[in-house]
Protein backbone atom coordinates (compact mmCIF):
# COMPACT_ATOMS: atom_id res chain seq x y z
CA MET A 1 1.38 -9.79 5.53
CA ASP A 2 3.10 -12.96 6.66
CA ALA A 3 2.68 -15.83 4.19
CA ALA A 4 2.29 -18.32 7.06
CA SER A 5 -0.95 -16.67 8.27
CA LEU A 6 -2.22 -15.56 4.86
CA PRO A 7 -5.76 -17.12 4.85
CA ALA A 8 -6.72 -15.68 8.25
CA ALA A 9 -5.11 -12.30 7.46
CA LEU A 10 -6.97 -11.95 4.16
CA ASP A 11 -10.27 -12.57 5.97
CA LEU A 12 -9.50 -9.73 8.38
CA VAL A 13 -9.02 -7.18 5.57
CA ALA A 14 -11.77 -8.51 3.28
CA SER A 15 -14.25 -5.81 4.33
CA GLY A 16 -12.52 -3.40 1.96
CA GLY A 17 -13.82 -5.43 -0.98
CA ALA A 18 -10.44 -6.84 -2.00
CA GLY A 19 -9.35 -10.43 -1.78
CA LEU A 20 -8.23 -13.53 -3.61
CA SER A 21 -10.16 -16.39 -5.16
CA PRO A 22 -9.94 -19.85 -3.51
CA GLU A 23 -7.77 -20.99 -6.44
CA LYS A 24 -5.26 -18.16 -5.95
CA ARG A 25 -5.20 -18.71 -2.16
CA ALA A 26 -4.45 -22.40 -2.68
CA ALA A 27 -1.72 -21.61 -5.23
CA LEU A 28 -0.07 -19.09 -2.88
CA GLY A 29 -0.31 -21.51 0.02
CA ALA A 30 1.70 -24.02 -2.00
CA SER A 31 4.18 -21.73 -3.79
CA LEU A 32 5.21 -19.26 -1.05
CA PRO A 33 6.77 -21.92 1.28
CA LEU A 34 8.71 -23.25 -1.73
CA LEU A 35 9.79 -19.69 -2.52
CA GLN A 36 11.10 -19.27 1.03
CA ARG A 37 13.01 -22.56 0.81
CA ASP A 38 14.51 -22.00 -2.66
CA TYR A 39 15.71 -18.44 -2.02
CA ARG A 40 16.61 -19.16 1.63
CA PHE A 41 14.57 -16.28 3.02
CA GLU A 42 14.05 -16.07 6.76
CA ARG A 43 10.49 -14.85 6.22
CA VAL A 44 8.21 -14.29 3.21
CA TRP A 45 5.50 -11.64 3.08
CA PHE A 46 2.66 -11.59 0.58
CA TRP A 47 2.73 -7.92 -0.45
CA GLY A 48 -0.41 -7.78 -2.59
CA ARG A 49 -1.65 -7.46 -6.15
CA ILE A 50 -1.32 -4.69 -8.74
CA GLN A 51 -4.12 -4.98 -11.28
CA GLY A 52 -3.26 -4.26 -14.91
CA LEU A 53 -5.47 -3.95 -17.97
CA ARG A 54 -4.54 -7.36 -19.39
CA GLY A 55 -3.39 -9.16 -16.25
CA ALA A 56 -2.38 -8.80 -12.61
CA TYR A 57 0.95 -8.87 -10.77
CA TYR A 58 1.06 -10.80 -7.50
CA ILE A 59 3.91 -9.55 -5.34
CA ALA A 60 5.91 -11.27 -2.57
CA GLU A 61 8.78 -9.95 -0.47
CA GLY A 62 11.61 -11.99 1.02
CA LEU A 63 13.19 -10.88 4.29
CA GLY A 64 16.56 -11.62 5.84
CA PRO A 65 17.68 -11.43 9.50
CA ASP A 66 17.86 -7.60 9.42
CA ARG A 67 14.35 -6.26 8.84
CA ALA A 68 15.70 -2.79 7.95
CA ALA A 69 17.81 -4.17 5.09
CA PRO A 70 16.48 -3.90 1.50
CA ARG A 71 13.89 -6.60 0.85
CA SER A 72 13.98 -8.95 -2.14
CA ARG A 73 10.88 -8.55 -4.28
CA LEU A 74 9.34 -11.11 -6.60
CA TYR A 75 6.31 -11.09 -8.87
CA SER A 76 4.09 -13.73 -10.40
CA LEU A 77 1.35 -13.66 -13.02
CA ASN A 78 -0.28 -16.90 -11.83
CA CYS A 79 0.72 -17.25 -8.13
CA VAL A 80 2.82 -20.31 -9.00
CA GLU A 81 5.89 -19.21 -11.00
CA TRP A 82 7.88 -16.37 -9.43
CA SER A 83 10.43 -14.00 -10.95
CA LEU A 84 12.93 -11.93 -8.97
CA LEU A 85 12.72 -8.17 -9.53
CA PRO A 86 15.87 -6.04 -9.75
CA PRO A 87 16.46 -3.46 -6.98
CA ALA A 88 14.80 -0.08 -7.57
CA SER A 89 17.35 2.67 -8.27
CA GLU A 90 16.63 6.34 -7.59
CA ASP A 91 16.64 7.07 -11.34
CA THR A 92 14.10 4.31 -12.00
CA VAL A 93 11.79 5.59 -9.27
CA ALA A 94 12.07 9.16 -10.60
CA GLN A 95 11.26 8.01 -14.15
CA ALA A 96 8.34 5.85 -12.98
CA GLU A 97 6.80 8.77 -11.07
CA LYS A 98 6.37 10.63 -14.37
CA LEU A 99 4.38 7.80 -15.98
CA LYS A 100 0.61 8.16 -16.02
CA GLY A 101 -2.09 5.58 -16.58
CA ARG A 102 -2.74 1.98 -15.68
CA PHE A 103 -0.34 -0.96 -15.77
CA GLN A 104 -0.75 -3.22 -18.81
CA GLY A 105 -0.07 -6.56 -17.13
CA ASP A 106 2.83 -7.37 -19.47
CA PRO A 107 6.34 -7.13 -17.89
CA SER A 108 8.01 -6.58 -21.28
CA PHE A 109 5.73 -3.66 -22.26
CA GLU A 110 7.74 -0.46 -22.89
CA TYR A 111 6.67 3.08 -21.97
CA GLU A 112 8.13 6.06 -23.82
CA LEU A 113 9.68 8.65 -21.52
CA THR A 114 8.02 11.75 -22.97
CA GLU A 115 8.77 14.06 -20.02
CA ILE A 116 12.51 13.36 -20.02
CA LYS A 117 15.03 16.20 -20.29
CA ALA A 118 16.73 16.66 -23.68
CA GLU A 119 20.23 16.13 -22.30
CA ASP A 120 19.13 12.94 -20.50
CA ALA A 121 17.59 11.63 -23.72
CA GLU A 122 20.77 12.40 -25.67
CA LYS A 123 22.86 10.61 -23.04
CA LEU A 124 20.67 7.50 -23.31
CA ILE A 125 20.96 7.51 -27.11
CA GLU A 126 24.75 7.91 -26.88
CA ASP A 127 24.87 4.88 -24.60
CA GLY A 128 22.93 2.90 -27.19
CA GLN A 129 19.69 2.95 -25.20
CA GLU A 130 16.27 4.25 -26.16
CA PRO A 131 14.35 6.68 -23.89
CA VAL A 132 11.94 3.98 -22.74
CA ILE A 133 11.21 2.19 -19.47
CA LYS A 134 9.93 -1.38 -19.19
CA GLU A 135 6.86 -2.19 -17.15
CA GLU A 136 8.96 -4.49 -14.98
CA ALA A 137 11.06 -1.47 -13.92
CA ARG A 138 7.92 0.58 -13.32
CA LEU A 139 6.52 -2.26 -11.21
CA VAL A 140 9.49 -2.43 -8.81
CA ALA A 141 9.61 1.40 -8.61
CA THR A 142 5.91 1.53 -7.69
CA ILE A 143 6.37 -1.14 -5.01
CA GLU A 144 9.27 0.88 -3.60
CA GLN A 145 7.14 4.05 -3.55
CA ILE A 146 4.24 2.33 -1.78
CA ASP A 147 6.51 0.65 0.79
CA LYS A 148 8.20 3.96 1.62
CA ALA A 149 4.98 5.97 1.80
CA VAL A 150 2.51 3.59 3.47
CA GLY A 151 4.33 0.39 4.58
CA ILE A 152 3.65 0.42 8.34
CA ILE A 153 4.08 -1.59 11.55
CA PRO A 154 2.71 -1.22 15.13
CA ARG A 155 4.90 0.54 17.70
CA GLY A 156 7.08 -1.96 19.59
CA SER A 157 6.79 -4.78 17.07
CA PHE A 158 10.36 -4.18 15.86
CA VAL A 159 13.44 -3.36 17.95
CA LYS A 160 16.74 -1.79 17.01
CA THR A 161 19.88 -3.36 18.46
CA PRO A 162 22.92 -1.31 19.62
CA LEU A 163 24.71 -2.51 16.46
CA GLY A 164 22.04 -0.87 14.29
CA SER A 165 20.25 -3.95 12.93
CA VAL A 166 16.47 -4.26 13.26
CA HIS A 167 14.71 -7.44 14.39
CA GLU A 168 11.17 -8.51 15.25
CA ASN A 169 10.43 -8.02 18.93
CA ARG A 170 9.72 -11.44 20.47
CA ASN A 171 8.24 -9.75 23.54
CA PHE A 172 5.66 -7.80 21.51
CA GLU A 173 2.18 -8.86 22.61
CA GLY A 174 0.16 -6.30 20.64
CA LEU A 175 -1.13 -2.81 21.30
CA SER A 176 -3.95 -2.12 23.74
CA LEU A 177 -7.29 -1.19 22.15
CA THR A 178 -6.86 2.43 23.26
CA GLU A 179 -3.37 2.69 21.77
CA ALA A 180 -4.35 0.80 18.62
CA LYS A 181 -6.84 3.55 17.69
CA LYS A 182 -4.11 6.24 17.63
CA LEU A 183 -2.07 7.04 14.53
CA SER A 184 0.93 7.75 16.77
CA SER A 185 1.04 4.01 17.60
CA TYR A 186 2.07 3.07 14.06
CA PHE A 187 5.42 3.61 12.34
CA HIS A 188 6.66 3.73 8.74
CA LEU A 189 8.94 0.77 8.04
CA THR A 190 11.49 2.88 6.17
CA GLU A 191 14.36 5.28 6.81
CA PRO A 192 13.07 8.00 9.22
CA VAL A 193 12.87 11.62 8.06
CA ASN A 194 10.89 13.54 10.70
CA LEU A 195 12.73 11.86 13.59
CA LYS A 196 16.02 13.49 12.59
CA ASN A 197 14.40 16.95 12.78
CA LYS A 198 13.15 16.53 16.37
CA THR A 199 14.79 18.50 19.16
CA LEU A 200 16.64 16.87 22.04
CA LEU A 201 13.72 17.77 24.31
CA GLU A 202 11.27 15.94 22.04
CA LYS A 203 13.61 12.91 21.84
CA ALA A 204 13.94 12.74 25.65
CA ASP A 205 10.69 10.74 26.03
CA LEU A 206 11.49 8.32 23.20
CA ASP A 207 12.86 4.83 23.65
CA PRO A 208 15.74 4.48 21.12
CA SER A 209 15.18 0.73 20.80
CA THR A 210 11.52 1.03 19.69
CA ASP A 211 10.96 4.68 18.67
CA PHE A 212 13.52 4.77 15.85
CA LEU A 213 11.01 5.29 13.01
CA ASP A 214 8.58 8.02 11.91
CA SER A 215 5.02 7.76 13.23
CA LEU A 216 1.90 8.27 11.10
CA GLU A 217 0.54 11.25 13.07
CA HIS A 218 2.65 13.77 11.12
CA ASP A 219 1.98 12.35 7.64
CA ILE A 220 1.31 14.88 4.90
CA PRO A 221 -1.42 15.58 3.89
CA LYS A 222 -3.09 15.38 7.28
CA GLY A 223 -6.07 13.05 7.09
CA SER A 224 -4.51 10.61 4.61
CA TRP A 225 -5.30 7.65 6.89
CA THR A 226 -8.63 6.24 8.13
CA VAL A 227 -8.81 4.20 11.36
CA GLN A 228 -11.75 1.86 11.85
CA LEU A 229 -12.80 -0.91 14.23
CA GLU A 230 -14.17 -3.96 12.42
CA LYS A 231 -15.31 -7.53 13.10
CA GLY A 232 -17.27 -6.38 16.15
CA GLY A 233 -14.46 -4.16 17.41
CA ILE A 234 -11.79 -6.87 17.64
CA VAL A 235 -9.73 -5.69 14.64
CA VAL A 236 -8.27 -2.24 14.00
CA VAL A 237 -8.03 -1.47 10.27
CA LEU A 238 -6.06 1.43 8.76
CA ARG A 239 -6.56 2.40 5.12
CA SER A 240 -4.44 4.78 3.10
CA LEU A 241 -6.23 7.44 1.06
CA LEU A 242 -2.97 8.39 -0.68
CA TRP A 243 -2.41 4.92 -2.14
CA LEU A 244 -5.94 3.58 -2.46
CA GLY A 245 -5.98 -0.16 -1.87
CA LEU A 246 -3.41 -0.30 0.96
CA THR A 247 -4.98 -1.90 4.04
CA PHE A 248 -3.28 -2.53 7.39
CA TYR A 249 -4.81 -4.66 10.16
CA HIS A 250 -3.95 -5.32 13.79
CA VAL A 251 -5.75 -7.44 16.36
CA PRO A 252 -5.15 -5.63 19.70
CA MET A 253 -3.40 -7.60 22.47
CA THR A 254 -2.11 -10.17 19.94
CA LYS A 255 0.87 -10.44 17.57
CA GLN A 256 -1.42 -10.40 14.53
CA TYR A 257 -0.71 -7.49 12.20
CA GLY A 258 0.23 -6.83 8.60
CA TYR A 259 -0.58 -4.87 5.47
CA VAL A 260 -1.57 -5.76 1.95
CA TYR A 261 -2.13 -3.79 -1.25
CA PHE A 262 -4.87 -4.50 -3.77
CA GLY A 263 -4.99 -1.68 -6.30
CA THR A 264 -3.95 -0.32 -9.68
CA GLY A 265 -0.56 1.04 -8.59
CA GLU A 266 -1.66 4.66 -9.10
CA LYS A 267 -1.17 7.38 -6.50
CA ASN A 268 -4.24 9.39 -5.50
CA LEU A 269 -3.01 12.83 -6.57
CA ASP A 270 -6.46 14.35 -5.93
CA LEU A 271 -6.29 13.67 -2.17
CA PRO A 272 -5.47 17.27 -1.08
CA PHE A 273 -8.66 18.46 -2.84
CA MET A 274 -10.78 15.69 -1.24
CA LEU A 275 -9.92 16.49 2.38
């Protein structure tokens, strides 16, 4: 969610039981504008909080002119001092997926890679490295996983230019209440997968400038999203059952939308048995 409208946005998603203390809100209100200035980001999003056993990670994302470009990610333990996270490589994400259990809350904590292949372990030892992964690497890999799986936007809020770059749509005035209650009105803000498999007949009704991403209606498993009207029916709230703690909000007929994550950073692997 946009750092500029953070207090109001947090109130709209507070019904899920997650939120920030007044002290943390005040600290974020002071530090995020400085973060945007120091790193020269065009926009800063407050991504959320991953709760560890001994502490919590507060996450922010910095955006450039192209919204489809990789985002810079930063974390803080106190909402005041921020550290830049390295980009998540495919190997790091694959290793992090094998880790089980809660985060510790210590970026320097090391996990042993017990489920690593023998040849991969030997290669690491030959390179002078131990078969371990730091919690900082697991943190950025988990953020990458959550963004790819459940980072969403309303249809029409972003447009793709003929040159391929993606920008926020200045003409977007929000979804109607009827459209806002449909999963097909929301897109994953990541590289499309299902769109490439559609036939030419299916693509005929799509607008290439706005329908360039995958919608939520074909997400697997089916039923991994809940759609609810809250605050007297003026706010549409989507919650992910795959990554418990991810909440998206949109106020129909306005430009107010965003998502935030308050959770433990663990995927709900039991979801197929719960549906």
